[in-house]
N, C-alpha and C. Protein backbone atom coordinates (compact mmCIF):
# COMPACT_ATOMS: atom_id res chain seq x y z
N HIS A 1 21.69 69.27 -0.96
CA HIS A 1 22.31 68.26 -1.79
C HIS A 1 21.27 67.49 -2.53
N ASP A 2 21.65 66.96 -3.68
CA ASP A 2 20.70 66.24 -4.53
C ASP A 2 20.63 64.77 -4.08
N ARG A 3 20.05 64.54 -2.92
CA ARG A 3 19.82 63.21 -2.46
C ARG A 3 18.55 63.25 -1.57
N ALA A 4 17.89 62.11 -1.50
CA ALA A 4 16.65 62.04 -0.78
C ALA A 4 16.86 61.67 0.69
N TRP A 5 15.81 61.75 1.44
CA TRP A 5 15.83 61.39 2.85
C TRP A 5 16.31 59.96 3.04
N GLY A 6 17.28 59.74 3.93
CA GLY A 6 17.79 58.39 4.19
C GLY A 6 18.89 57.97 3.25
N GLU A 7 19.31 58.83 2.33
CA GLU A 7 20.33 58.44 1.36
C GLU A 7 21.70 59.09 1.72
N VAL A 8 22.77 58.40 1.26
CA VAL A 8 24.12 58.92 1.36
C VAL A 8 24.48 59.46 -0.04
N THR A 9 25.32 60.52 -0.09
CA THR A 9 25.72 61.03 -1.40
C THR A 9 26.43 59.99 -2.23
N ALA A 10 26.27 60.06 -3.55
CA ALA A 10 26.84 59.08 -4.44
C ALA A 10 28.35 59.06 -4.35
N SER A 11 28.97 60.23 -4.15
CA SER A 11 30.43 60.31 -4.06
C SER A 11 30.96 59.57 -2.84
N MET A 12 30.22 59.65 -1.76
CA MET A 12 30.64 58.95 -0.53
C MET A 12 30.41 57.45 -0.68
N ARG A 13 29.31 57.08 -1.25
CA ARG A 13 29.01 55.67 -1.44
C ARG A 13 29.96 55.00 -2.42
N ALA A 14 30.47 55.76 -3.38
CA ALA A 14 31.38 55.22 -4.36
C ALA A 14 32.72 54.80 -3.71
N LYS A 15 33.02 55.30 -2.49
CA LYS A 15 34.22 54.95 -1.83
C LYS A 15 34.15 53.62 -1.06
N GLY A 16 32.92 53.06 -1.01
CA GLY A 16 32.72 51.84 -0.27
C GLY A 16 31.54 51.99 0.70
N ARG A 17 31.34 50.99 1.53
CA ARG A 17 30.29 51.04 2.53
C ARG A 17 30.51 52.17 3.52
N PRO A 18 29.60 53.09 3.61
CA PRO A 18 29.85 54.21 4.60
C PRO A 18 29.72 53.74 6.03
N HIS A 19 30.25 54.56 6.93
CA HIS A 19 30.11 54.32 8.36
C HIS A 19 29.07 55.29 8.89
N PHE A 20 28.35 54.89 9.92
CA PHE A 20 27.28 55.72 10.48
C PHE A 20 27.48 55.90 12.00
N VAL A 21 27.10 57.06 12.48
CA VAL A 21 26.95 57.31 13.90
C VAL A 21 25.53 57.85 14.10
N ILE A 22 24.84 57.37 15.13
CA ILE A 22 23.52 57.80 15.46
C ILE A 22 23.59 58.68 16.73
N GLY A 23 23.03 59.91 16.68
CA GLY A 23 23.02 60.79 17.81
C GLY A 23 21.59 60.90 18.29
N PHE A 24 21.39 60.85 19.60
CA PHE A 24 20.01 60.90 20.14
C PHE A 24 19.93 61.74 21.40
N ASP A 25 19.00 62.70 21.37
CA ASP A 25 18.70 63.53 22.55
C ASP A 25 17.30 63.18 22.98
N PRO A 26 17.13 62.38 24.06
CA PRO A 26 15.78 61.87 24.41
C PRO A 26 14.85 62.90 25.01
N GLY A 27 13.58 62.55 25.02
CA GLY A 27 12.60 63.37 25.66
C GLY A 27 12.77 63.28 27.15
N ASN A 28 12.18 64.24 27.89
CA ASN A 28 12.33 64.30 29.34
C ASN A 28 11.06 63.87 30.05
N ALA A 29 11.18 62.84 30.82
CA ALA A 29 10.00 62.29 31.49
C ALA A 29 9.42 63.20 32.56
N SER A 30 10.24 64.14 33.04
CA SER A 30 9.78 64.99 34.11
C SER A 30 8.75 66.05 33.66
N GLY A 31 8.65 66.16 32.32
CA GLY A 31 7.70 67.13 31.80
C GLY A 31 8.35 68.51 31.57
N LYS A 32 9.58 68.67 32.01
CA LYS A 32 10.30 69.91 31.75
C LYS A 32 10.86 69.91 30.32
N GLY A 33 11.01 71.07 29.73
CA GLY A 33 11.51 71.16 28.36
C GLY A 33 10.40 70.92 27.35
N SER A 34 10.83 70.67 26.12
CA SER A 34 9.87 70.53 25.01
C SER A 34 9.18 69.19 24.99
N GLY A 35 9.83 68.18 25.56
CA GLY A 35 9.28 66.86 25.47
C GLY A 35 9.61 66.15 24.16
N PHE A 36 10.24 66.84 23.25
CA PHE A 36 10.63 66.24 21.98
C PHE A 36 11.97 65.48 22.09
N CYS A 37 12.12 64.49 21.26
CA CYS A 37 13.39 63.76 21.10
C CYS A 37 14.04 64.27 19.82
N GLY A 38 15.37 64.28 19.81
CA GLY A 38 16.09 64.64 18.59
C GLY A 38 16.88 63.42 18.14
N LEU A 39 16.78 63.06 16.84
CA LEU A 39 17.46 61.93 16.29
C LEU A 39 18.21 62.34 15.01
N VAL A 40 19.51 62.00 14.95
CA VAL A 40 20.32 62.29 13.78
C VAL A 40 21.07 61.01 13.38
N VAL A 41 21.07 60.73 12.07
CA VAL A 41 21.93 59.68 11.54
C VAL A 41 22.95 60.34 10.65
N LEU A 42 24.20 60.11 10.95
CA LEU A 42 25.31 60.79 10.25
C LEU A 42 26.16 59.76 9.56
N ALA A 43 26.45 60.00 8.27
CA ALA A 43 27.34 59.09 7.50
C ALA A 43 28.67 59.76 7.20
N PHE A 44 29.73 58.97 7.13
CA PHE A 44 31.06 59.50 6.87
C PHE A 44 31.92 58.45 6.27
N ASP A 45 33.00 58.91 5.63
CA ASP A 45 34.03 58.05 5.05
C ASP A 45 35.04 57.75 6.17
N PRO A 46 35.22 56.51 6.58
CA PRO A 46 36.08 56.19 7.74
C PRO A 46 37.55 56.45 7.52
N VAL A 47 37.99 56.59 6.28
CA VAL A 47 39.42 56.81 6.08
C VAL A 47 39.77 58.26 5.85
N GLU A 48 38.77 59.14 5.79
CA GLU A 48 39.01 60.54 5.59
C GLU A 48 39.37 61.22 6.93
N ALA A 49 40.45 61.98 6.96
CA ALA A 49 40.88 62.63 8.18
C ALA A 49 40.07 63.92 8.41
N GLU A 50 40.05 64.36 9.63
CA GLU A 50 39.38 65.64 9.99
C GLU A 50 40.17 66.79 9.43
N PRO A 51 39.52 67.90 9.01
CA PRO A 51 38.03 68.05 9.02
C PRO A 51 37.38 67.39 7.82
N ARG A 52 36.73 66.27 8.08
CA ARG A 52 36.10 65.49 7.02
C ARG A 52 34.72 66.02 6.70
N THR A 53 34.07 65.46 5.65
CA THR A 53 32.73 65.81 5.24
C THR A 53 31.74 64.81 5.82
N TYR A 54 30.59 65.31 6.32
CA TYR A 54 29.59 64.46 6.91
C TYR A 54 28.27 64.61 6.10
N ASP A 55 27.64 63.48 5.89
CA ASP A 55 26.28 63.49 5.31
C ASP A 55 25.25 63.28 6.41
N VAL A 56 24.40 64.25 6.65
CA VAL A 56 23.26 64.05 7.53
C VAL A 56 22.24 63.24 6.72
N VAL A 57 22.00 62.02 7.15
CA VAL A 57 21.10 61.07 6.42
C VAL A 57 19.68 61.28 6.94
N GLU A 58 19.54 61.43 8.23
CA GLU A 58 18.24 61.71 8.85
C GLU A 58 18.47 62.75 9.94
N ILE A 59 17.50 63.64 10.08
CA ILE A 59 17.48 64.60 11.22
C ILE A 59 16.03 64.85 11.54
N ASP A 60 15.58 64.49 12.77
CA ASP A 60 14.17 64.54 13.03
C ASP A 60 13.94 64.82 14.50
N ALA A 61 12.74 65.31 14.82
CA ALA A 61 12.28 65.49 16.20
C ALA A 61 10.90 64.90 16.31
N PHE A 62 10.62 64.23 17.48
CA PHE A 62 9.34 63.60 17.66
C PHE A 62 9.05 63.41 19.12
N LYS A 63 7.82 63.16 19.44
CA LYS A 63 7.39 62.81 20.81
C LYS A 63 6.92 61.37 20.81
N ARG A 64 7.60 60.53 21.62
CA ARG A 64 7.20 59.12 21.74
C ARG A 64 7.46 58.67 23.17
N PRO A 65 6.70 57.67 23.60
CA PRO A 65 6.96 57.13 24.95
C PRO A 65 8.35 56.49 25.01
N PHE A 66 8.86 56.29 26.19
CA PHE A 66 10.17 55.74 26.37
C PHE A 66 10.32 54.36 25.70
N GLU A 67 9.32 53.54 25.99
CA GLU A 67 9.36 52.13 25.47
C GLU A 67 7.92 51.64 25.33
N VAL A 68 7.69 50.75 24.39
CA VAL A 68 6.36 50.17 24.18
C VAL A 68 6.40 48.67 24.44
N THR A 69 5.25 48.05 24.54
CA THR A 69 5.17 46.61 24.73
C THR A 69 5.36 45.94 23.38
N SER A 70 5.65 44.61 23.43
CA SER A 70 5.81 43.87 22.18
C SER A 70 4.52 43.90 21.37
N GLU A 71 3.37 43.90 22.06
CA GLU A 71 2.09 43.93 21.38
C GLU A 71 1.90 45.28 20.61
N GLU A 72 2.31 46.34 21.28
CA GLU A 72 2.22 47.65 20.61
C GLU A 72 3.15 47.74 19.43
N GLU A 73 4.33 47.19 19.59
CA GLU A 73 5.31 47.21 18.47
C GLU A 73 4.82 46.42 17.29
N SER A 74 4.10 45.30 17.56
CA SER A 74 3.59 44.47 16.45
C SER A 74 2.53 45.25 15.65
N LEU A 75 1.95 46.30 16.30
CA LEU A 75 0.97 47.13 15.61
C LEU A 75 1.59 48.35 14.93
N GLY A 76 2.95 48.35 14.98
CA GLY A 76 3.67 49.44 14.28
C GLY A 76 3.89 50.68 15.16
N ARG A 77 3.70 50.54 16.49
CA ARG A 77 3.92 51.69 17.37
C ARG A 77 5.30 51.54 17.98
N TYR A 78 6.10 52.60 17.86
CA TYR A 78 7.45 52.60 18.38
C TYR A 78 7.61 53.60 19.52
N GLY A 79 8.33 53.17 20.56
CA GLY A 79 8.82 54.11 21.56
C GLY A 79 10.22 54.58 21.20
N GLN A 80 10.83 55.30 22.10
CA GLN A 80 12.18 55.78 21.84
C GLN A 80 13.17 54.61 21.67
N VAL A 81 13.06 53.63 22.53
CA VAL A 81 14.00 52.50 22.46
C VAL A 81 13.83 51.71 21.16
N GLU A 82 12.61 51.46 20.79
CA GLU A 82 12.36 50.73 19.51
C GLU A 82 12.82 51.52 18.32
N THR A 83 12.65 52.84 18.35
CA THR A 83 13.13 53.70 17.26
C THR A 83 14.62 53.59 17.09
N LEU A 84 15.34 53.62 18.19
CA LEU A 84 16.82 53.53 18.10
C LEU A 84 17.26 52.20 17.55
N ILE A 85 16.68 51.10 18.01
CA ILE A 85 17.09 49.79 17.54
C ILE A 85 16.77 49.59 16.07
N HIS A 86 15.58 50.02 15.66
CA HIS A 86 15.16 49.87 14.26
C HIS A 86 16.00 50.77 13.36
N THR A 87 16.38 51.96 13.82
CA THR A 87 17.25 52.83 13.03
C THR A 87 18.59 52.17 12.81
N TRP A 88 19.17 51.64 13.90
CA TRP A 88 20.48 50.96 13.78
C TRP A 88 20.36 49.81 12.76
N GLU A 89 19.34 49.01 12.90
CA GLU A 89 19.20 47.82 12.01
C GLU A 89 19.02 48.22 10.58
N ARG A 90 18.35 49.32 10.34
CA ARG A 90 18.15 49.74 8.94
C ARG A 90 19.47 50.14 8.31
N TYR A 91 20.28 50.94 8.98
CA TYR A 91 21.53 51.42 8.38
C TYR A 91 22.66 50.39 8.42
N ALA A 92 22.53 49.37 9.28
CA ALA A 92 23.49 48.31 9.29
C ALA A 92 23.43 47.51 7.96
N LYS A 93 22.32 47.59 7.28
CA LYS A 93 22.16 46.90 5.97
C LYS A 93 22.89 47.67 4.87
N GLU A 94 23.14 48.97 5.13
CA GLU A 94 23.74 49.77 4.09
C GLU A 94 25.23 50.13 4.33
N GLY A 95 25.66 49.91 5.56
CA GLY A 95 27.06 50.25 5.89
C GLY A 95 27.38 49.72 7.32
N THR A 96 28.28 50.39 7.97
CA THR A 96 28.71 49.99 9.30
C THR A 96 28.27 51.02 10.31
N VAL A 97 27.40 50.65 11.21
CA VAL A 97 26.98 51.58 12.26
C VAL A 97 28.01 51.43 13.39
N ARG A 98 28.72 52.51 13.65
CA ARG A 98 29.83 52.45 14.63
C ARG A 98 29.29 52.61 16.07
N THR A 99 28.43 53.57 16.28
CA THR A 99 28.05 53.93 17.65
C THR A 99 26.68 54.63 17.66
N LEU A 100 25.98 54.37 18.76
CA LEU A 100 24.81 55.15 19.12
C LEU A 100 25.17 56.04 20.32
N VAL A 101 25.10 57.34 20.18
CA VAL A 101 25.49 58.25 21.27
C VAL A 101 24.24 58.89 21.84
N ILE A 102 24.05 58.75 23.15
CA ILE A 102 22.83 59.20 23.81
C ILE A 102 23.19 60.23 24.90
N GLU A 103 22.46 61.36 24.92
CA GLU A 103 22.65 62.38 25.94
C GLU A 103 22.37 61.73 27.29
N ALA A 104 23.30 61.88 28.25
CA ALA A 104 23.22 61.07 29.44
C ALA A 104 22.76 61.78 30.72
N ASN A 105 22.55 63.09 30.67
CA ASN A 105 22.19 63.81 31.87
C ASN A 105 20.77 63.55 32.37
N GLY A 106 20.57 63.56 33.69
CA GLY A 106 19.24 63.49 34.22
C GLY A 106 18.45 62.26 33.83
N TYR A 107 17.22 62.50 33.38
CA TYR A 107 16.34 61.37 33.00
C TYR A 107 16.92 60.54 31.89
N GLN A 108 17.65 61.19 31.00
CA GLN A 108 18.19 60.51 29.81
C GLN A 108 19.01 59.26 30.18
N SER A 109 19.62 59.26 31.33
CA SER A 109 20.37 58.10 31.76
C SER A 109 19.50 56.86 31.96
N ALA A 110 18.19 57.11 32.01
CA ALA A 110 17.26 55.98 32.18
C ALA A 110 17.30 55.04 30.97
N LEU A 111 17.74 55.55 29.83
CA LEU A 111 17.81 54.70 28.68
C LEU A 111 18.73 53.50 28.93
N ALA A 112 19.73 53.73 29.80
CA ALA A 112 20.65 52.64 30.13
C ALA A 112 19.96 51.55 30.94
N ASN A 113 18.76 51.85 31.48
CA ASN A 113 18.05 50.89 32.33
C ASN A 113 16.98 50.09 31.54
N SER A 114 16.93 50.34 30.23
CA SER A 114 16.00 49.57 29.43
C SER A 114 16.54 48.15 29.21
N ARG A 115 15.79 47.14 29.59
CA ARG A 115 16.24 45.78 29.44
C ARG A 115 16.50 45.45 27.98
N ARG A 116 15.62 45.95 27.11
CA ARG A 116 15.76 45.66 25.68
C ARG A 116 17.02 46.33 25.11
N LEU A 117 17.21 47.59 25.53
CA LEU A 117 18.41 48.32 25.00
C LEU A 117 19.70 47.70 25.56
N MET A 118 19.66 47.28 26.83
CA MET A 118 20.82 46.65 27.41
C MET A 118 21.15 45.36 26.69
N SER A 119 20.10 44.58 26.32
CA SER A 119 20.29 43.33 25.59
C SER A 119 20.91 43.62 24.23
N PHE A 120 20.44 44.69 23.59
CA PHE A 120 20.94 45.09 22.29
C PHE A 120 22.42 45.46 22.43
N LYS A 121 22.77 46.20 23.46
CA LYS A 121 24.19 46.58 23.68
C LYS A 121 25.04 45.36 23.95
N SER A 122 24.52 44.48 24.74
CA SER A 122 25.27 43.27 25.13
C SER A 122 25.59 42.36 23.98
N SER A 123 24.77 42.47 22.93
CA SER A 123 24.97 41.64 21.72
C SER A 123 26.04 42.18 20.79
N GLY A 124 26.72 43.28 21.19
CA GLY A 124 27.82 43.77 20.44
C GLY A 124 27.63 45.12 19.81
N HIS A 125 26.48 45.77 20.06
CA HIS A 125 26.23 47.09 19.53
C HIS A 125 26.77 48.15 20.51
N VAL A 126 27.56 49.08 19.97
CA VAL A 126 28.21 50.07 20.81
C VAL A 126 27.27 51.22 21.10
N ILE A 127 26.90 51.41 22.38
CA ILE A 127 26.02 52.49 22.80
C ILE A 127 26.76 53.23 23.91
N GLU A 128 26.87 54.56 23.70
CA GLU A 128 27.67 55.37 24.62
C GLU A 128 26.87 56.62 25.08
N PRO A 129 27.06 57.03 26.32
CA PRO A 129 26.45 58.29 26.79
C PRO A 129 27.29 59.48 26.37
N HIS A 130 26.66 60.63 26.20
CA HIS A 130 27.43 61.85 25.96
C HIS A 130 27.08 62.85 27.07
N SER A 131 28.08 63.22 27.82
CA SER A 131 27.90 64.26 28.89
C SER A 131 28.34 65.59 28.34
N THR A 132 27.42 66.55 28.32
CA THR A 132 27.69 67.85 27.67
C THR A 132 28.87 68.58 28.29
N ASN A 133 28.84 68.72 29.65
CA ASN A 133 29.90 69.43 30.35
C ASN A 133 30.20 70.75 29.71
N ARG A 134 31.48 71.16 29.68
CA ARG A 134 31.85 72.47 29.16
C ARG A 134 32.05 72.46 27.64
N ASN A 135 32.07 71.30 27.04
CA ASN A 135 32.34 71.23 25.58
C ASN A 135 31.27 71.94 24.79
N LYS A 136 30.06 72.01 25.33
CA LYS A 136 28.95 72.60 24.54
C LYS A 136 29.22 74.00 24.10
N THR A 137 29.90 74.80 24.90
CA THR A 137 30.18 76.21 24.52
C THR A 137 31.60 76.42 24.08
N ASP A 138 32.36 75.36 23.88
CA ASP A 138 33.75 75.47 23.39
C ASP A 138 33.71 76.04 21.97
N PRO A 139 34.42 77.14 21.69
CA PRO A 139 34.41 77.74 20.35
C PRO A 139 35.04 76.87 19.25
N VAL A 140 35.81 75.85 19.66
CA VAL A 140 36.49 75.00 18.67
C VAL A 140 35.71 73.78 18.37
N VAL A 141 35.23 73.06 19.41
CA VAL A 141 34.57 71.79 19.23
C VAL A 141 33.10 71.81 19.74
N GLY A 142 32.62 72.98 20.23
CA GLY A 142 31.28 73.06 20.77
C GLY A 142 30.22 73.19 19.69
N VAL A 143 29.03 73.42 20.19
CA VAL A 143 27.84 73.54 19.26
C VAL A 143 28.03 74.61 18.22
N GLU A 144 28.54 75.76 18.59
CA GLU A 144 28.68 76.88 17.67
C GLU A 144 29.63 76.59 16.52
N ALA A 145 30.59 75.69 16.69
CA ALA A 145 31.54 75.36 15.62
C ALA A 145 30.81 74.73 14.43
N MET A 146 29.63 74.13 14.65
CA MET A 146 28.92 73.53 13.51
C MET A 146 28.47 74.50 12.46
N GLY A 147 28.23 75.76 12.90
CA GLY A 147 27.74 76.75 11.94
C GLY A 147 28.70 76.95 10.77
N ALA A 148 29.98 77.10 11.08
CA ALA A 148 30.98 77.28 10.03
C ALA A 148 31.11 76.05 9.19
N ARG A 149 30.99 74.88 9.77
CA ARG A 149 31.10 73.65 9.01
C ARG A 149 29.92 73.43 8.07
N ILE A 150 28.76 73.86 8.47
CA ILE A 150 27.58 73.79 7.60
C ILE A 150 27.75 74.75 6.42
N ARG A 151 28.18 76.00 6.71
CA ARG A 151 28.36 76.96 5.64
C ARG A 151 29.48 76.53 4.67
N GLY A 152 30.44 75.82 5.18
CA GLY A 152 31.53 75.33 4.31
C GLY A 152 31.24 74.01 3.68
N ALA A 153 30.00 73.53 3.75
CA ALA A 153 29.56 72.29 3.13
C ALA A 153 30.32 71.06 3.66
N LYS A 154 30.80 71.15 4.89
CA LYS A 154 31.42 69.99 5.55
C LYS A 154 30.36 69.15 6.27
N ILE A 155 29.18 69.74 6.48
CA ILE A 155 28.01 69.01 6.96
C ILE A 155 26.91 69.21 5.93
N ARG A 156 26.51 68.12 5.24
CA ARG A 156 25.60 68.22 4.12
C ARG A 156 24.24 67.60 4.47
N PHE A 157 23.20 68.20 3.95
CA PHE A 157 21.84 67.76 4.27
C PHE A 157 21.13 67.27 2.99
N PRO A 158 20.22 66.28 3.11
CA PRO A 158 19.40 65.85 1.97
C PRO A 158 18.35 66.91 1.70
N TYR A 159 17.95 67.05 0.45
CA TYR A 159 16.92 68.07 0.13
C TYR A 159 16.22 67.77 -1.22
N ARG A 160 16.23 66.51 -1.66
CA ARG A 160 15.66 66.25 -2.98
C ARG A 160 14.19 65.93 -2.91
N ASP A 161 13.75 65.14 -1.95
CA ASP A 161 12.33 64.75 -1.89
C ASP A 161 11.58 65.57 -0.87
N GLU A 162 10.30 65.41 -0.85
CA GLU A 162 9.42 66.24 0.03
C GLU A 162 9.73 65.99 1.51
N GLU A 163 9.97 64.72 1.87
CA GLU A 163 10.26 64.44 3.29
C GLU A 163 11.53 65.14 3.74
N ALA A 164 12.58 65.08 2.92
CA ALA A 164 13.81 65.76 3.25
C ALA A 164 13.62 67.26 3.36
N LYS A 165 12.94 67.87 2.42
CA LYS A 165 12.69 69.30 2.44
C LYS A 165 11.94 69.73 3.69
N ARG A 166 10.90 68.95 4.05
CA ARG A 166 10.09 69.29 5.19
C ARG A 166 10.90 69.19 6.51
N LYS A 167 11.62 68.12 6.68
CA LYS A 167 12.30 67.89 7.95
C LYS A 167 13.57 68.72 8.08
N VAL A 168 14.27 68.88 6.99
CA VAL A 168 15.48 69.72 7.06
C VAL A 168 15.07 71.19 7.23
N SER A 169 14.05 71.64 6.53
CA SER A 169 13.59 73.00 6.70
C SER A 169 13.15 73.26 8.13
N ALA A 170 12.44 72.28 8.75
CA ALA A 170 12.00 72.44 10.10
C ALA A 170 13.15 72.57 11.07
N PHE A 171 14.23 71.81 10.83
CA PHE A 171 15.39 71.92 11.65
C PHE A 171 16.00 73.32 11.61
N PHE A 172 16.14 73.86 10.43
CA PHE A 172 16.76 75.20 10.32
C PHE A 172 15.80 76.27 10.86
N GLU A 173 14.54 76.22 10.49
CA GLU A 173 13.62 77.27 10.86
C GLU A 173 13.27 77.28 12.35
N ILE A 174 13.18 76.11 12.98
CA ILE A 174 12.79 76.05 14.41
C ILE A 174 13.98 76.13 15.33
N GLU A 175 15.14 75.55 14.91
CA GLU A 175 16.26 75.44 15.83
C GLU A 175 17.49 76.24 15.34
N ALA A 176 18.00 75.88 14.18
CA ALA A 176 19.30 76.37 13.74
C ALA A 176 19.37 77.90 13.61
N TYR A 177 18.44 78.44 12.83
CA TYR A 177 18.48 79.90 12.59
C TYR A 177 18.23 80.75 13.89
N LYS A 178 17.59 80.11 14.85
CA LYS A 178 17.23 80.87 16.09
C LYS A 178 18.17 80.59 17.24
N HIS A 179 19.11 79.72 17.05
CA HIS A 179 20.05 79.40 18.13
C HIS A 179 20.94 80.62 18.47
N PRO A 180 21.20 80.93 19.73
CA PRO A 180 20.89 80.14 20.91
C PRO A 180 19.58 80.47 21.59
N MET A 181 18.71 81.21 20.93
CA MET A 181 17.43 81.60 21.50
C MET A 181 16.25 80.72 21.01
N ALA A 182 16.61 79.59 20.38
CA ALA A 182 15.57 78.71 19.86
C ALA A 182 14.76 78.08 20.99
N PRO A 183 13.42 77.88 20.78
CA PRO A 183 12.61 77.28 21.85
C PRO A 183 12.96 75.83 22.07
N ARG A 184 13.61 75.19 21.07
CA ARG A 184 14.00 73.78 21.23
C ARG A 184 15.43 73.58 20.64
N THR A 185 16.13 72.60 21.17
CA THR A 185 17.47 72.32 20.64
C THR A 185 17.72 70.84 20.47
N ASP A 186 16.61 70.07 20.36
CA ASP A 186 16.73 68.60 20.33
C ASP A 186 17.57 68.09 19.16
N ARG A 187 17.32 68.60 17.95
CA ARG A 187 18.07 68.16 16.80
C ARG A 187 19.46 68.69 16.76
N ILE A 188 19.62 69.96 17.19
CA ILE A 188 20.95 70.53 17.27
C ILE A 188 21.86 69.72 18.18
N MET A 189 21.36 69.32 19.33
CA MET A 189 22.19 68.58 20.25
C MET A 189 22.46 67.14 19.72
N ALA A 190 21.48 66.52 19.11
CA ALA A 190 21.69 65.20 18.54
C ALA A 190 22.75 65.24 17.44
N LEU A 191 22.70 66.31 16.62
CA LEU A 191 23.67 66.48 15.55
C LEU A 191 25.07 66.71 16.13
N TRP A 192 25.11 67.49 17.20
CA TRP A 192 26.43 67.76 17.83
C TRP A 192 27.02 66.50 18.45
N PHE A 193 26.18 65.70 19.11
CA PHE A 193 26.66 64.44 19.71
C PHE A 193 27.27 63.56 18.60
N ALA A 194 26.54 63.47 17.50
CA ALA A 194 27.02 62.61 16.39
C ALA A 194 28.32 63.11 15.78
N ILE A 195 28.41 64.42 15.57
CA ILE A 195 29.63 65.03 15.01
C ILE A 195 30.82 64.79 15.94
N MET A 196 30.60 65.02 17.23
CA MET A 196 31.70 64.86 18.18
C MET A 196 32.19 63.42 18.18
N LYS A 197 31.30 62.46 18.15
CA LYS A 197 31.72 61.06 18.19
C LYS A 197 32.37 60.67 16.88
N ALA A 198 31.76 61.04 15.77
CA ALA A 198 32.32 60.66 14.48
C ALA A 198 33.71 61.29 14.25
N SER A 199 33.90 62.51 14.77
CA SER A 199 35.21 63.16 14.64
C SER A 199 36.28 62.37 15.41
N SER A 200 35.91 61.81 16.55
CA SER A 200 36.85 61.03 17.34
C SER A 200 37.24 59.70 16.70
N LEU A 201 36.42 59.30 15.68
CA LEU A 201 36.69 58.05 14.98
C LEU A 201 37.54 58.27 13.72
N ALA A 202 37.95 59.51 13.45
CA ALA A 202 38.78 59.79 12.28
C ALA A 202 40.14 59.12 12.49
N PRO A 203 40.84 58.75 11.39
CA PRO A 203 42.18 58.15 11.50
C PRO A 203 43.14 59.08 12.17
N SER A 204 42.94 60.37 12.01
CA SER A 204 43.81 61.33 12.68
C SER A 204 42.89 62.36 13.27
N PHE A 205 42.67 62.33 14.56
CA PHE A 205 41.74 63.22 15.20
C PHE A 205 42.33 64.60 15.40
N LEU A 206 42.11 65.45 14.38
CA LEU A 206 42.66 66.77 14.40
C LEU A 206 41.58 67.74 14.81
N ARG A 207 41.80 68.58 15.76
CA ARG A 207 40.83 69.58 16.16
C ARG A 207 40.68 70.64 15.06
N ILE A 208 39.46 71.09 14.93
CA ILE A 208 39.16 72.14 13.94
C ILE A 208 39.88 73.45 14.36
N ARG A 209 40.42 74.16 13.38
CA ARG A 209 41.05 75.42 13.69
C ARG A 209 40.09 76.37 14.40
N ARG A 210 40.62 77.21 15.30
CA ARG A 210 39.74 78.18 15.96
C ARG A 210 39.23 79.15 14.90
N LEU A 211 37.89 79.25 14.87
CA LEU A 211 37.22 80.03 13.84
C LEU A 211 36.68 81.33 14.38
N VAL A 212 36.42 82.29 13.48
CA VAL A 212 35.79 83.52 13.89
C VAL A 212 34.40 83.17 14.42
N LYS A 213 33.99 83.76 15.49
CA LYS A 213 32.67 83.47 16.11
C LYS A 213 31.57 83.78 15.10
N PRO A 214 30.76 82.73 14.72
CA PRO A 214 29.73 82.99 13.74
C PRO A 214 28.58 83.84 14.25
N ALA A 215 27.83 84.41 13.33
CA ALA A 215 26.76 85.30 13.68
C ALA A 215 25.69 84.64 14.54
N TRP A 216 25.42 83.35 14.27
CA TRP A 216 24.32 82.73 15.03
C TRP A 216 24.68 82.58 16.51
N ALA A 217 25.97 82.61 16.86
CA ALA A 217 26.33 82.49 18.27
C ALA A 217 26.00 83.82 18.98
N GLN A 218 25.72 84.85 18.20
CA GLN A 218 25.34 86.14 18.79
C GLN A 218 23.84 86.36 18.78
N GLY A 219 23.12 85.28 18.57
CA GLY A 219 21.65 85.30 18.56
C GLY A 219 21.03 85.59 17.20
N LEU A 220 21.84 85.42 16.11
CA LEU A 220 21.32 85.75 14.79
C LEU A 220 21.13 84.51 13.91
N GLY A 221 21.16 83.33 14.57
CA GLY A 221 20.97 82.10 13.82
C GLY A 221 22.27 81.65 13.19
N PHE A 222 22.28 80.40 12.71
CA PHE A 222 23.51 79.94 12.07
C PHE A 222 23.18 79.32 10.72
N ALA A 223 24.27 79.13 9.92
CA ALA A 223 24.15 78.52 8.58
C ALA A 223 23.42 79.35 7.57
N ARG A 224 23.30 80.64 7.81
CA ARG A 224 22.62 81.49 6.80
C ARG A 224 23.59 81.78 5.68
């Protein structure tokens, strides 16, 4: 789409202040897995019913400590907690941030034990855990259902500036095209968390029709 990193499409913005959901798949302190965090910011029109169109505003993967000290933050160093709070604050200036959804299994539940994040939540910011359970492989609302929505332009990505091209290309080349055999799934999972939550916020929560199993679910990648 003809928009830069961090932007919402003009057509969606013309309808009023967009709503945002932030999806986050944290790094694993145990050292298992890639150690990368996945972060997605998703924009949507709150009055559009499902299957609605979503703008991926940001999609990124990074390695950062769980939390940093106030002194480190003053020097411009962010941990995972600081990244989440600053991301929320940035998009709250442009629209309504509805929810931050965080993967809750194992170490990830430790995010709920951050004093700063708990204070942020207590001040009225909605922060919810996402438990994967069996939904991950559900052919209707699971991870694989996103492939058809991307091909149908129901999930749109920025690609106008160099930052958008670099980060969106990395998502597809490292994760999306290689799923389910990709070496990492941090951004895929963060995107799925955000889509699942945003879908539940539709005025009429209609499940997506059962679709033909996409090629990427057979190990050939998705969204080609």
